Amino acid sequence: MLTALAWSAVGLLLLVAGSEFIVRGGTRFAGRLNISPVVIGATIIAIGTSTPELAVGIDSVLTGNGNLAIGNIAGTNVVNILLILGLSALMLPMAIRNETLLLDLPMIVVASCALLFMASDGYLSRNEGIILLIFSVGYTAAIIQSARRESRRVKAEFREELREMAPPPLLAGSSWQKEILAIVVGIAVVVYGADFLVKGTVDLARLWGVSEEFIGLTIIAIGTSSPELVTTIVSTLRNQREIAIGNLLGSSVYNILVILGITIVVPSEPVAVSPSLIGIDIPVMTAVALLCVPVFYSGRVVSRFEGAVMVGLYLAYLVFLVVTRT
């Protein structure tokens, strides 16, 4: 068991470290190309913080553990919204910007409902993965278009967030070559981390007598969400609250459209989805996305009380998983 725990712990650490290199190298390189800070925050940071889920997903489906990959996506999105957003709102009420209501909120609802529908037959096919990726292109294009309409204050918050991201040692005295190197190193570290994590968690599941999807919904989901947790809490503490929710929802949308899309395109055969994921966990993820609609429109602020309710709901879901899946 100690060996399996060690593999899992090392894998998680490598995933978090690798995603940090990807995000920081990518944002600095994109800034060098004069890409809008809003676009960088809503795309590169959102996708970069989701690279652990991508690496785990691809490694899982290639080793015959598809439910681990799907469980990780569903679990991560629940963690993002209920736990991370809830904790952030407990610290400071979270303001919601117009573009979140007009773009990110509808897209997380549509993407979640689409996944629920696609998985209902028990399989996720390569064609469905391609459809998700096509949607991601449209979503990204909409983000780029909406960046032109953002208020000066929101743009200033994005610039401040990017400026305050301390570069890793590899990027000291940064040049474009070092930034590309940081991205490449980050990808390599994430790939190795995913391999270690999947190996360790599959062994743990067998030792504990639980399913791989349970591990994906809980331990891996919380672990791979740590980049989003750090990004959101730091943004909240710096009073950049309007961009924190957008980053969280954007990351959750990309988890489904890009991360899951690529994951189910890679294998030649459709990825089987377990009955418990179809009947419980994906519907829970969808319900959490739908919960955001009344919460976000009630005063356009996520209050401390609403944050407390979100955290409470996540803890209740976690207890439910432990009681029913172990």
C-alpha atoms as a PDB file:
ATOM      1  CA  MET A   1       0.000   0.000   0.000  1.00  0.00           C
ATOM      2  CA  LEU A   2       2.842   2.378   0.810  1.00  0.00           C
ATOM      3  CA  THR A   3       4.179   1.952  -2.713  1.00  0.00           C
ATOM      4  CA  ALA A   4       0.788   2.783  -4.234  1.00  0.00           C
ATOM      5  CA  LEU A   5       0.427   5.824  -1.967  1.00  0.00           C
ATOM      6  CA  ALA A   6       3.922   6.980  -2.929  1.00  0.00           C
ATOM      7  CA  TRP A   7       3.187   6.629  -6.663  1.00  0.00           C
ATOM      8  CA  SER A   8      -0.043   8.610  -6.202  1.00  0.00           C
ATOM      9  CA  ALA A   9       1.564  11.371  -4.128  1.00  0.00           C
ATOM     10  CA  VAL A  10       4.514  11.797  -6.499  1.00  0.00           C
ATOM     11  CA  GLY A  11       2.144  11.777  -9.459  1.00  0.00           C
ATOM     12  CA  LEU A  12      -0.033  14.541  -7.979  1.00  0.00           C
ATOM     13  CA  LEU A  13       2.983  16.687  -7.155  1.00  0.00           C
ATOM     14  CA  LEU A  14       4.339  16.311 -10.690  1.00  0.00           C
ATOM     15  CA  LEU A  15       0.930  17.152 -12.196  1.00  0.00           C
ATOM     16  CA  VAL A  16       0.629  20.354 -10.171  1.00  0.00           C
ATOM     17  CA  ALA A  17       4.237  21.403 -10.840  1.00  0.00           C
ATOM     18  CA  GLY A  18       3.974  20.640 -14.559  1.00  0.00           C
ATOM     19  CA  SER A  19       0.726  22.560 -14.979  1.00  0.00           C
ATOM     20  CA  GLU A  20       2.330  25.576 -13.256  1.00  0.00           C
ATOM     21  CA  PHE A  21       5.170  25.562 -15.791  1.00  0.00           C
ATOM     22  CA  ILE A  22       2.678  25.290 -18.666  1.00  0.00           C
ATOM     23  CA  VAL A  23       0.481  28.119 -17.360  1.00  0.00           C
ATOM     24  CA  ARG A  24       3.323  30.500 -16.517  1.00  0.00           C
ATOM     25  CA  GLY A  25       5.359  29.779 -19.638  1.00  0.00           C
ATOM     26  CA  GLY A  26       2.259  29.970 -21.823  1.00  0.00           C
ATOM     27  CA  THR A  27       0.949  33.211 -20.353  1.00  0.00           C
ATOM     28  CA  ARG A  28       4.313  34.967 -20.637  1.00  0.00           C
ATOM     29  CA  PHE A  29       4.779  33.789 -24.226  1.00  0.00           C
ATOM     30  CA  ALA A  30       1.224  34.828 -25.151  1.00  0.00           C
ATOM     31  CA  GLY A  31       1.834  38.235 -23.557  1.00  0.00           C
ATOM     32  CA  ARG A  32       4.932  38.573 -25.729  1.00  0.00           C
ATOM     33  CA  LEU A  33       2.633  38.114 -28.743  1.00  0.00           C
ATOM     34  CA  ASN A  34       0.377  40.959 -27.473  1.00  0.00           C
ATOM     35  CA  ILE A  35      -2.560  38.629 -26.916  1.00  0.00           C
ATOM     36  CA  SER A  36      -5.276  40.261 -24.786  1.00  0.00           C
ATOM     37  CA  PRO A  37      -4.916  39.564 -21.044  1.00  0.00           C
ATOM     38  CA  VAL A  38      -8.616  38.640 -20.994  1.00  0.00           C
ATOM     39  CA  VAL A  39      -8.067  35.989 -23.688  1.00  0.00           C
ATOM     40  CA  ILE A  40      -4.951  34.686 -21.906  1.00  0.00           C
ATOM     41  CA  GLY A  41      -6.830  34.365 -18.631  1.00  0.00           C
ATOM     42  CA  ALA A  42      -9.918  32.749 -20.114  1.00  0.00           C
ATOM     43  CA  THR A  43      -8.134  30.310 -22.433  1.00  0.00           C
ATOM     44  CA  ILE A  44      -4.461  29.644 -21.694  1.00  0.00           C
ATOM     45  CA  ILE A  45      -4.836  29.718 -17.911  1.00  0.00           C
ATOM     46  CA  ALA A  46      -8.130  27.788 -18.046  1.00  0.00           C
ATOM     47  CA  ILE A  47      -6.681  25.080 -20.316  1.00  0.00           C
ATOM     48  CA  GLY A  48      -3.290  25.100 -18.612  1.00  0.00           C
ATOM     49  CA  THR A  49      -4.801  24.428 -15.189  1.00  0.00           C
ATOM     50  CA  SER A  50      -6.734  21.531 -16.780  1.00  0.00           C
ATOM     51  CA  THR A  51      -3.674  19.754 -18.212  1.00  0.00           C
ATOM     52  CA  PRO A  52      -3.552  17.358 -15.219  1.00  0.00           C
ATOM     53  CA  GLU A  53      -7.055  16.142 -16.114  1.00  0.00           C
ATOM     54  CA  LEU A  54      -6.012  15.710 -19.766  1.00  0.00           C
ATOM     55  CA  ALA A  55      -2.903  13.701 -18.913  1.00  0.00           C
ATOM     56  CA  VAL A  56      -4.802  11.520 -16.441  1.00  0.00           C
ATOM     57  CA  GLY A  57      -7.625  11.034 -18.950  1.00  0.00           C
ATOM     58  CA  ILE A  58      -5.428   9.922 -21.840  1.00  0.00           C
ATOM     59  CA  ASP A  59      -3.325   7.645 -19.631  1.00  0.00           C
ATOM     60  CA  SER A  60      -6.488   6.122 -18.149  1.00  0.00           C
ATOM     61  CA  VAL A  61      -8.239   5.284 -21.415  1.00  0.00           C
ATOM     62  CA  LEU A  62      -5.049   3.871 -22.930  1.00  0.00           C
ATOM     63  CA  THR A  63      -4.648   1.549 -19.932  1.00  0.00           C
ATOM     64  CA  GLY A  64      -8.287   0.433 -19.960  1.00  0.00           C
ATOM     65  CA  ASN A  65      -9.466   2.603 -17.049  1.00  0.00           C
ATOM     66  CA  GLY A  66     -11.925   4.825 -18.897  1.00  0.00           C
ATOM     67  CA  ASN A  67     -14.217   5.296 -15.892  1.00  0.00           C
ATOM     68  CA  LEU A  68     -11.298   6.795 -13.986  1.00  0.00           C
ATOM     69  CA  ALA A  69     -10.982   9.458 -16.710  1.00  0.00           C
ATOM     70  CA  ILE A  70     -14.704  10.250 -16.868  1.00  0.00           C
ATOM     71  CA  GLY A  71     -15.040  10.189 -13.086  1.00  0.00           C
ATOM     72  CA  ASN A  72     -12.143  12.614 -12.837  1.00  0.00           C
ATOM     73  CA  ILE A  73     -13.840  15.097 -15.196  1.00  0.00           C
ATOM     74  CA  ALA A  74     -17.201  14.879 -13.400  1.00  0.00           C
ATOM     75  CA  GLY A  75     -15.570  15.038  -9.980  1.00  0.00           C
ATOM     76  CA  THR A  76     -13.285  17.928 -10.903  1.00  0.00           C
ATOM     77  CA  ASN A  77     -16.155  20.071 -12.180  1.00  0.00           C
ATOM     78  CA  VAL A  78     -18.100  19.437  -8.972  1.00  0.00           C
ATOM     79  CA  VAL A  79     -14.995  20.373  -6.955  1.00  0.00           C
ATOM     80  CA  ASN A  80     -14.458  23.524  -9.053  1.00  0.00           C
ATOM     81  CA  ILE A  81     -17.954  24.873  -8.534  1.00  0.00           C
ATOM     82  CA  LEU A  82     -19.085  23.612  -5.132  1.00  0.00           C
ATOM     83  CA  LEU A  83     -15.814  23.424  -3.199  1.00  0.00           C
ATOM     84  CA  ILE A  84     -13.440  25.974  -4.754  1.00  0.00           C
ATOM     85  CA  LEU A  85     -16.043  28.602  -5.651  1.00  0.00           C
ATOM     86  CA  GLY A  86     -17.773  27.992  -2.332  1.00  0.00           C
ATOM     87  CA  LEU A  87     -14.569  28.423  -0.314  1.00  0.00           C
ATOM     88  CA  SER A  88     -13.676  31.571  -2.264  1.00  0.00           C
ATOM     89  CA  ALA A  89     -17.121  33.073  -1.629  1.00  0.00           C
ATOM     90  CA  LEU A  90     -16.744  32.282   2.079  1.00  0.00           C
ATOM     91  CA  MET A  91     -13.560  34.389   2.071  1.00  0.00           C
ATOM     92  CA  LEU A  92     -15.072  37.278   0.103  1.00  0.00           C
ATOM     93  CA  PRO A  93     -18.392  37.572  -1.770  1.00  0.00           C
ATOM     94  CA  MET A  94     -17.705  36.887  -5.455  1.00  0.00           C
ATOM     95  CA  ALA A  95     -18.805  39.496  -8.000  1.00  0.00           C
ATOM     96  CA  ILE A  96     -19.983  38.202 -11.375  1.00  0.00           C
ATOM     97  CA  ARG A  97     -19.108  40.038 -14.573  1.00  0.00           C
ATOM     98  CA  ASN A  98     -21.424  40.358 -17.577  1.00  0.00           C
ATOM     99  CA  GLU A  99     -19.428  38.024 -19.821  1.00  0.00           C
ATOM    100  CA  THR A 100     -19.691  35.232 -17.257  1.00  0.00           C
ATOM    101  CA  LEU A 101     -23.484  35.482 -17.358  1.00  0.00           C
ATOM    102  CA  LEU A 102     -23.629  35.781 -21.138  1.00  0.00           C
ATOM    103  CA  LEU A 103     -20.998  33.196 -22.114  1.00  0.00           C
ATOM    104  CA  ASP A 104     -19.408  31.022 -19.422  1.00  0.00           C
ATOM    105  CA  LEU A 105     -22.593  30.219 -17.491  1.00  0.00           C
ATOM    106  CA  PRO A 106     -24.642  29.144 -20.554  1.00  0.00           C
ATOM    107  CA  MET A 107     -21.681  27.114 -21.876  1.00  0.00           C
ATOM    108  CA  ILE A 108     -21.114  25.134 -18.653  1.00  0.00           C
ATOM    109  CA  VAL A 109     -24.831  24.285 -18.611  1.00  0.00           C
ATOM    110  CA  VAL A 110     -24.864  23.291 -22.301  1.00  0.00           C
ATOM    111  CA  ALA A 111     -21.618  21.293 -22.038  1.00  0.00           C
ATOM    112  CA  SER A 112     -22.807  19.436 -18.926  1.00  0.00           C
ATOM    113  CA  CYS A 113     -26.183  18.610 -20.475  1.00  0.00           C
ATOM    114  CA  ALA A 114     -24.452  17.491 -23.690  1.00  0.00           C
ATOM    115  CA  LEU A 115     -22.216  15.095 -21.747  1.00  0.00           C
ATOM    116  CA  LEU A 116     -25.230  13.745 -19.847  1.00  0.00           C
ATOM    117  CA  PHE A 117     -27.015  13.061 -23.152  1.00  0.00           C
ATOM    118  CA  MET A 118     -23.958  11.565 -24.884  1.00  0.00           C
ATOM    119  CA  ALA A 119     -23.208   9.209 -21.992  1.00  0.00           C
ATOM    120  CA  SER A 120     -26.801   8.003 -21.648  1.00  0.00           C
ATOM    121  CA  ASP A 121     -26.238   5.051 -24.026  1.00  0.00           C
ATOM    122  CA  GLY A 122     -23.342   3.760 -21.931  1.00  0.00           C
ATOM    123  CA  TYR A 123     -20.551   4.801 -24.301  1.00  0.00           C
ATOM    124  CA  LEU A 124     -18.650   7.887 -25.423  1.00  0.00           C
ATOM    125  CA  SER A 125     -17.498   7.555 -29.021  1.00  0.00           C
ATOM    126  CA  ARG A 126     -14.779   9.200 -31.074  1.00  0.00           C
ATOM    127  CA  ASN A 127     -17.429  11.090 -33.087  1.00  0.00           C
ATOM    128  CA  GLU A 128     -18.866  12.517 -29.874  1.00  0.00           C
ATOM    129  CA  GLY A 129     -15.364  13.598 -28.878  1.00  0.00           C
ATOM    130  CA  ILE A 130     -15.000  15.416 -32.184  1.00  0.00           C
ATOM    131  CA  ILE A 131     -18.330  17.184 -31.576  1.00  0.00           C
ATOM    132  CA  LEU A 132     -17.099  18.357 -28.167  1.00  0.00           C
ATOM    133  CA  LEU A 133     -13.873  19.664 -29.713  1.00  0.00           C
ATOM    134  CA  ILE A 134     -15.825  21.555 -32.390  1.00  0.00           C
ATOM    135  CA  PHE A 135     -17.881  23.189 -29.631  1.00  0.00           C
ATOM    136  CA  SER A 136     -14.624  24.159 -27.907  1.00  0.00           C
ATOM    137  CA  VAL A 137     -13.477  26.019 -31.020  1.00  0.00           C
ATOM    138  CA  GLY A 138     -16.732  27.985 -31.063  1.00  0.00           C
ATOM    139  CA  TYR A 139     -16.435  28.722 -27.336  1.00  0.00           C
ATOM    140  CA  THR A 140     -12.867  29.968 -27.728  1.00  0.00           C
ATOM    141  CA  ALA A 141     -13.868  32.165 -30.668  1.00  0.00           C
ATOM    142  CA  ALA A 142     -16.665  33.635 -28.555  1.00  0.00           C
ATOM    143  CA  ILE A 143     -14.177  34.376 -25.748  1.00  0.00           C
ATOM    144  CA  ILE A 144     -11.881  36.210 -28.155  1.00  0.00           C
ATOM    145  CA  GLN A 145     -14.812  38.225 -29.496  1.00  0.00           C
ATOM    146  CA  SER A 146     -16.119  39.053 -26.016  1.00  0.00           C
ATOM    147  CA  ALA A 147     -12.664  40.227 -24.900  1.00  0.00           C
ATOM    148  CA  ARG A 148     -13.179  43.322 -27.027  1.00  0.00           C
ATOM    149  CA  ARG A 149     -16.254  44.249 -24.995  1.00  0.00           C
ATOM    150  CA  GLU A 150     -14.797  43.796 -21.513  1.00  0.00           C
ATOM    151  CA  SER A 151     -14.722  46.837 -19.246  1.00  0.00           C
ATOM    152  CA  ARG A 152     -11.456  48.624 -18.544  1.00  0.00           C
ATOM    153  CA  ARG A 153     -11.639  47.507 -14.906  1.00  0.00           C
ATOM    154  CA  VAL A 154     -11.885  43.804 -15.792  1.00  0.00           C
ATOM    155  CA  LYS A 155      -9.055  44.116 -18.317  1.00  0.00           C
ATOM    156  CA  ALA A 156      -6.958  45.811 -15.652  1.00  0.00           C
ATOM    157  CA  GLU A 157      -7.657  42.910 -13.272  1.00  0.00           C
ATOM    158  CA  PHE A 158      -6.452  40.402 -15.854  1.00  0.00           C
ATOM    159  CA  ARG A 159      -3.287  42.431 -16.485  1.00  0.00           C
ATOM    160  CA  GLU A 160      -2.638  42.622 -12.748  1.00  0.00           C
ATOM    161  CA  GLU A 161      -3.135  38.858 -12.366  1.00  0.00           C
ATOM    162  CA  LEU A 162      -0.653  38.097 -15.147  1.00  0.00           C
ATOM    163  CA  ARG A 163       1.892  40.626 -13.893  1.00  0.00           C
ATOM    164  CA  GLU A 164       1.817  39.204 -10.369  1.00  0.00           C
ATOM    165  CA  MET A 165       2.371  35.612 -11.496  1.00  0.00           C
ATOM    166  CA  ALA A 166       5.958  35.052 -10.344  1.00  0.00           C
ATOM    167  CA  PRO A 167       7.971  33.172 -12.970  1.00  0.00           C
ATOM    168  CA  PRO A 168       9.526  29.810 -12.040  1.00  0.00           C
ATOM    169  CA  PRO A 169      13.354  29.710 -11.881  1.00  0.00           C
ATOM    170  CA  LEU A 170      13.438  28.364 -15.423  1.00  0.00           C
ATOM    171  CA  LEU A 171      11.954  31.681 -16.635  1.00  0.00           C
ATOM    172  CA  ALA A 172      14.260  34.016 -14.723  1.00  0.00           C
ATOM    173  CA  GLY A 173      15.431  36.668 -17.179  1.00  0.00           C
ATOM    174  CA  SER A 174      12.742  35.351 -19.475  1.00  0.00           C
ATOM    175  CA  SER A 175      13.166  35.031 -23.229  1.00  0.00           C
ATOM    176  CA  TRP A 176      10.821  33.384 -25.718  1.00  0.00           C
ATOM    177  CA  GLN A 177      13.138  30.365 -25.875  1.00  0.00           C
ATOM    178  CA  LYS A 178      12.891  29.893 -22.105  1.00  0.00           C
ATOM    179  CA  GLU A 179       9.125  30.294 -22.228  1.00  0.00           C
ATOM    180  CA  ILE A 180       8.807  27.581 -24.889  1.00  0.00           C
ATOM    181  CA  LEU A 181      11.190  25.398 -22.865  1.00  0.00           C
ATOM    182  CA  ALA A 182       9.020  25.889 -19.766  1.00  0.00           C
ATOM    183  CA  ILE A 183       5.958  24.718 -21.709  1.00  0.00           C
ATOM    184  CA  VAL A 184       7.780  21.645 -23.052  1.00  0.00           C
ATOM    185  CA  VAL A 185       9.195  20.774 -19.618  1.00  0.00           C
ATOM    186  CA  GLY A 186       5.757  21.270 -18.079  1.00  0.00           C
ATOM    187  CA  ILE A 187       4.123  18.922 -20.585  1.00  0.00           C
ATOM    188  CA  ALA A 188       6.779  16.249 -19.960  1.00  0.00           C
ATOM    189  CA  VAL A 189       6.376  16.540 -16.188  1.00  0.00           C
ATOM    190  CA  VAL A 190       2.574  16.339 -16.462  1.00  0.00           C
ATOM    191  CA  VAL A 191       2.775  13.222 -18.661  1.00  0.00           C
ATOM    192  CA  TYR A 192       5.071  11.427 -16.206  1.00  0.00           C
ATOM    193  CA  GLY A 193       2.963  12.604 -13.278  1.00  0.00           C
ATOM    194  CA  ALA A 194      -0.213  11.239 -14.859  1.00  0.00           C
ATOM    195  CA  ASP A 195       1.431   7.864 -15.433  1.00  0.00           C
ATOM    196  CA  PHE A 196       2.554   7.676 -11.797  1.00  0.00           C
ATOM    197  CA  LEU A 197      -0.837   8.850 -10.499  1.00  0.00           C
ATOM    198  CA  VAL A 198      -2.913   6.424 -12.574  1.00  0.00           C
ATOM    199  CA  LYS A 199      -0.638   3.520 -11.646  1.00  0.00           C
ATOM    200  CA  GLY A 200      -0.804   4.389  -7.949  1.00  0.00           C
ATOM    201  CA  THR A 201      -4.553   5.023  -7.790  1.00  0.00           C
ATOM    202  CA  VAL A 202      -5.468   1.864  -9.719  1.00  0.00           C
ATOM    203  CA  ASP A 203      -3.357  -0.120  -7.249  1.00  0.00           C
ATOM    204  CA  LEU A 204      -5.008   1.705  -4.339  1.00  0.00           C
ATOM    205  CA  ALA A 205      -8.480   0.970  -5.717  1.00  0.00           C
ATOM    206  CA  ARG A 206      -7.663  -2.727  -5.853  1.00  0.00           C
ATOM    207  CA  LEU A 207      -6.147  -2.735  -2.362  1.00  0.00           C
ATOM    208  CA  TRP A 208      -9.091  -0.850  -0.845  1.00  0.00           C
ATOM    209  CA  GLY A 209     -11.695  -2.790  -2.809  1.00  0.00           C
ATOM    210  CA  VAL A 210     -13.227   0.292  -4.459  1.00  0.00           C
ATOM    211  CA  SER A 211     -13.723   1.226  -8.101  1.00  0.00           C
ATOM    212  CA  GLU A 212     -11.360   3.356 -10.169  1.00  0.00           C
ATOM    213  CA  GLU A 213     -14.205   5.812 -10.769  1.00  0.00           C
ATOM    214  CA  PHE A 214     -14.543   6.379  -6.991  1.00  0.00           C
ATOM    215  CA  ILE A 215     -10.847   7.296  -6.848  1.00  0.00           C
ATOM    216  CA  GLY A 216     -11.337   9.575  -9.881  1.00  0.00           C
ATOM    217  CA  LEU A 217     -14.359  11.298  -8.336  1.00  0.00           C
ATOM    218  CA  THR A 218     -12.628  11.962  -5.021  1.00  0.00           C
ATOM    219  CA  ILE A 219      -8.855  11.794  -4.556  1.00  0.00           C
ATOM    220  CA  ILE A 220      -7.808  12.544  -8.139  1.00  0.00           C
ATOM    221  CA  ALA A 221     -10.555  15.153  -8.674  1.00  0.00           C
ATOM    222  CA  ILE A 222      -9.450  17.120  -5.614  1.00  0.00           C
ATOM    223  CA  GLY A 223      -5.764  16.679  -6.434  1.00  0.00           C
ATOM    224  CA  THR A 224      -5.993  17.722 -10.079  1.00  0.00           C
ATOM    225  CA  SER A 225      -8.155  20.719  -9.096  1.00  0.00           C
ATOM    226  CA  SER A 226      -5.369  22.190  -6.970  1.00  0.00           C
ATOM    227  CA  PRO A 227      -4.166  24.535  -9.791  1.00  0.00           C
ATOM    228  CA  GLU A 228      -7.690  25.970 -10.058  1.00  0.00           C
ATOM    229  CA  LEU A 229      -7.868  26.239  -6.262  1.00  0.00           C
ATOM    230  CA  VAL A 230      -4.622  28.210  -6.076  1.00  0.00           C
ATOM    231  CA  THR A 231      -5.516  30.468  -9.034  1.00  0.00           C
ATOM    232  CA  THR A 232      -8.987  31.251  -7.665  1.00  0.00           C
ATOM    233  CA  ILE A 233      -7.971  31.888  -4.053  1.00  0.00           C
ATOM    234  CA  VAL A 234      -5.063  34.114  -5.112  1.00  0.00           C
ATOM    235  CA  SER A 235      -7.394  36.096  -7.411  1.00  0.00           C
ATOM    236  CA  THR A 236      -9.897  36.447  -4.560  1.00  0.00           C
ATOM    237  CA  LEU A 237      -7.295  37.619  -2.040  1.00  0.00           C
ATOM    238  CA  ARG A 238      -6.025  40.183  -4.555  1.00  0.00           C
ATOM    239  CA  ASN A 239      -9.600  41.454  -4.945  1.00  0.00           C
ATOM    240  CA  GLN A 240      -9.686  40.254  -8.564  1.00  0.00           C
ATOM    241  CA  ARG A 241     -12.997  38.550  -7.858  1.00  0.00           C
ATOM    242  CA  GLU A 242     -14.712  39.250 -11.153  1.00  0.00           C
ATOM    243  CA  ILE A 243     -12.198  37.150 -13.075  1.00  0.00           C
ATOM    244  CA  ALA A 244     -12.042  34.324 -10.512  1.00  0.00           C
ATOM    245  CA  ILE A 245     -15.478  32.908 -11.354  1.00  0.00           C
ATOM    246  CA  GLY A 246     -14.848  33.247 -15.091  1.00  0.00           C
ATOM    247  CA  ASN A 247     -11.583  31.316 -14.758  1.00  0.00           C
ATOM    248  CA  LEU A 248     -13.298  28.561 -12.761  1.00  0.00           C
ATOM    249  CA  LEU A 249     -16.222  28.168 -15.146  1.00  0.00           C
ATOM    250  CA  GLY A 250     -13.930  28.428 -18.171  1.00  0.00           C
ATOM    251  CA  SER A 251     -11.752  25.651 -16.796  1.00  0.00           C
ATOM    252  CA  SER A 252     -14.844  23.507 -16.163  1.00  0.00           C
ATOM    253  CA  VAL A 253     -16.123  24.094 -19.701  1.00  0.00           C
ATOM    254  CA  TYR A 254     -12.740  23.157 -21.186  1.00  0.00           C
ATOM    255  CA  ASN A 255     -12.677  20.045 -18.976  1.00  0.00           C
ATOM    256  CA  ILE A 256     -15.687  18.735 -20.875  1.00  0.00           C
ATOM    257  CA  LEU A 257     -15.159  20.175 -24.350  1.00  0.00           C
ATOM    258  CA  VAL A 258     -11.363  19.880 -24.724  1.00  0.00           C
ATOM    259  CA  ILE A 259     -10.065  17.523 -22.035  1.00  0.00           C
ATOM    260  CA  LEU A 260     -12.815  14.913 -22.310  1.00  0.00           C
ATOM    261  CA  GLY A 261     -13.091  15.523 -26.059  1.00  0.00           C
ATOM    262  CA  ILE A 262      -9.432  14.654 -26.636  1.00  0.00           C
ATOM    263  CA  THR A 263      -9.610  11.787 -24.128  1.00  0.00           C
ATOM    264  CA  ILE A 264     -12.368   9.956 -26.017  1.00  0.00           C
ATOM    265  CA  VAL A 265     -10.924  10.742 -29.457  1.00  0.00           C
ATOM    266  CA  VAL A 266      -7.603   9.031 -28.639  1.00  0.00           C
ATOM    267  CA  PRO A 267      -8.737   5.367 -28.307  1.00  0.00           C
ATOM    268  CA  SER A 268      -9.990   3.560 -31.402  1.00  0.00           C
ATOM    269  CA  GLU A 269     -12.922   2.014 -29.518  1.00  0.00           C
ATOM    270  CA  PRO A 270     -15.728   3.859 -27.684  1.00  0.00           C
ATOM    271  CA  VAL A 271     -15.108   4.454 -23.987  1.00  0.00           C
ATOM    272  CA  ALA A 272     -17.595   2.600 -21.769  1.00  0.00           C
ATOM    273  CA  VAL A 273     -19.370   4.621 -19.079  1.00  0.00           C
ATOM    274  CA  SER A 274     -20.438   2.845 -15.888  1.00  0.00           C
ATOM    275  CA  PRO A 275     -24.110   2.854 -14.778  1.00  0.00           C
ATOM    276  CA  SER A 276     -23.235   4.767 -11.582  1.00  0.00           C
ATOM    277  CA  LEU A 277     -21.578   7.553 -13.583  1.00  0.00           C
ATOM    278  CA  ILE A 278     -24.599   7.730 -15.906  1.00  0.00           C
ATOM    279  CA  GLY A 279     -27.191   7.524 -13.136  1.00  0.00           C
ATOM    280  CA  ILE A 280     -25.537   9.540 -10.359  1.00  0.00           C
ATOM    281  CA  ASP A 281     -22.283  11.391 -10.930  1.00  0.00           C
ATOM    282  CA  ILE A 282     -22.766  12.998 -14.353  1.00  0.00           C
ATOM    283  CA  PRO A 283     -26.317  14.076 -13.340  1.00  0.00           C
ATOM    284  CA  VAL A 284     -24.834  15.551 -10.122  1.00  0.00           C
ATOM    285  CA  MET A 285     -22.274  17.466 -12.200  1.00  0.00           C
ATOM    286  CA  THR A 286     -25.093  18.733 -14.453  1.00  0.00           C
ATOM    287  CA  ALA A 287     -27.261  19.702 -11.476  1.00  0.00           C
ATOM    288  CA  VAL A 288     -24.341  21.658  -9.994  1.00  0.00           C
ATOM    289  CA  ALA A 289     -23.967  23.557 -13.285  1.00  0.00           C
ATOM    290  CA  LEU A 290     -27.710  24.322 -13.290  1.00  0.00           C
ATOM    291  CA  LEU A 291     -27.484  25.448  -9.649  1.00  0.00           C
ATOM    292  CA  CYS A 292     -25.204  28.259 -10.796  1.00  0.00           C
ATOM    293  CA  VAL A 293     -28.028  29.890 -12.790  1.00  0.00           C
ATOM    294  CA  PRO A 294     -30.201  31.094  -9.868  1.00  0.00           C
ATOM    295  CA  VAL A 295     -27.146  31.677  -7.640  1.00  0.00           C
ATOM    296  CA  PHE A 296     -25.394  33.876 -10.201  1.00  0.00           C
ATOM    297  CA  TYR A 297     -28.503  35.863 -11.117  1.00  0.00           C
ATOM    298  CA  SER A 298     -29.512  36.566  -7.491  1.00  0.00           C
ATOM    299  CA  GLY A 299     -27.859  39.936  -7.111  1.00  0.00           C
ATOM    300  CA  ARG A 300     -25.000  38.952  -9.447  1.00  0.00           C
ATOM    301  CA  VAL A 301     -22.879  38.104  -6.410  1.00  0.00           C
ATOM    302  CA  VAL A 302     -22.091  34.748  -4.809  1.00  0.00           C
ATOM    303  CA  SER A 303     -22.597  35.605  -1.136  1.00  0.00           C
ATOM    304  CA  ARG A 304     -20.870  34.070   1.879  1.00  0.00           C
ATOM    305  CA  PHE A 305     -24.095  32.227   2.730  1.00  0.00           C
ATOM    306  CA  GLU A 306     -24.317  30.769  -0.779  1.00  0.00           C
ATOM    307  CA  GLY A 307     -20.646  29.819  -0.550  1.00  0.00           C
ATOM    308  CA  ALA A 308     -21.319  28.000   2.726  1.00  0.00           C
ATOM    309  CA  VAL A 309     -24.231  26.131   1.130  1.00  0.00           C
ATOM    310  CA  MET A 310     -22.006  25.109  -1.798  1.00  0.00           C
ATOM    311  CA  VAL A 311     -19.279  23.763   0.499  1.00  0.00           C
ATOM    312  CA  GLY A 312     -21.931  21.944   2.542  1.00  0.00           C
ATOM    313  CA  LEU A 313     -23.365  20.351  -0.599  1.00  0.00           C
ATOM    314  CA  TYR A 314     -19.910  19.181  -1.656  1.00  0.00           C
ATOM    315  CA  LEU A 315     -19.231  17.628   1.748  1.00  0.00           C
ATOM    316  CA  ALA A 316     -22.624  15.887   1.597  1.00  0.00           C
ATOM    317  CA  TYR A 317     -21.784  14.516  -1.879  1.00  0.00           C
ATOM    318  CA  LEU A 318     -18.393  13.336  -0.611  1.00  0.00           C
ATOM    319  CA  VAL A 319     -20.030  11.531   2.319  1.00  0.00           C
ATOM    320  CA  PHE A 320     -22.540   9.971  -0.095  1.00  0.00           C
ATOM    321  CA  LEU A 321     -19.702   8.669  -2.281  1.00  0.00           C
ATOM    322  CA  VAL A 322     -17.858   7.191   0.697  1.00  0.00           C
ATOM    323  CA  VAL A 323     -20.996   5.520   2.086  1.00  0.00           C
ATOM    324  CA  THR A 324     -22.282   4.112  -1.207  1.00  0.00           C
ATOM    325  CA  ARG A 325     -19.056   3.286  -3.083  1.00  0.00           C
ATOM    326  CA  THR A 326     -16.848   1.790  -0.372  1.00  0.00           C
END
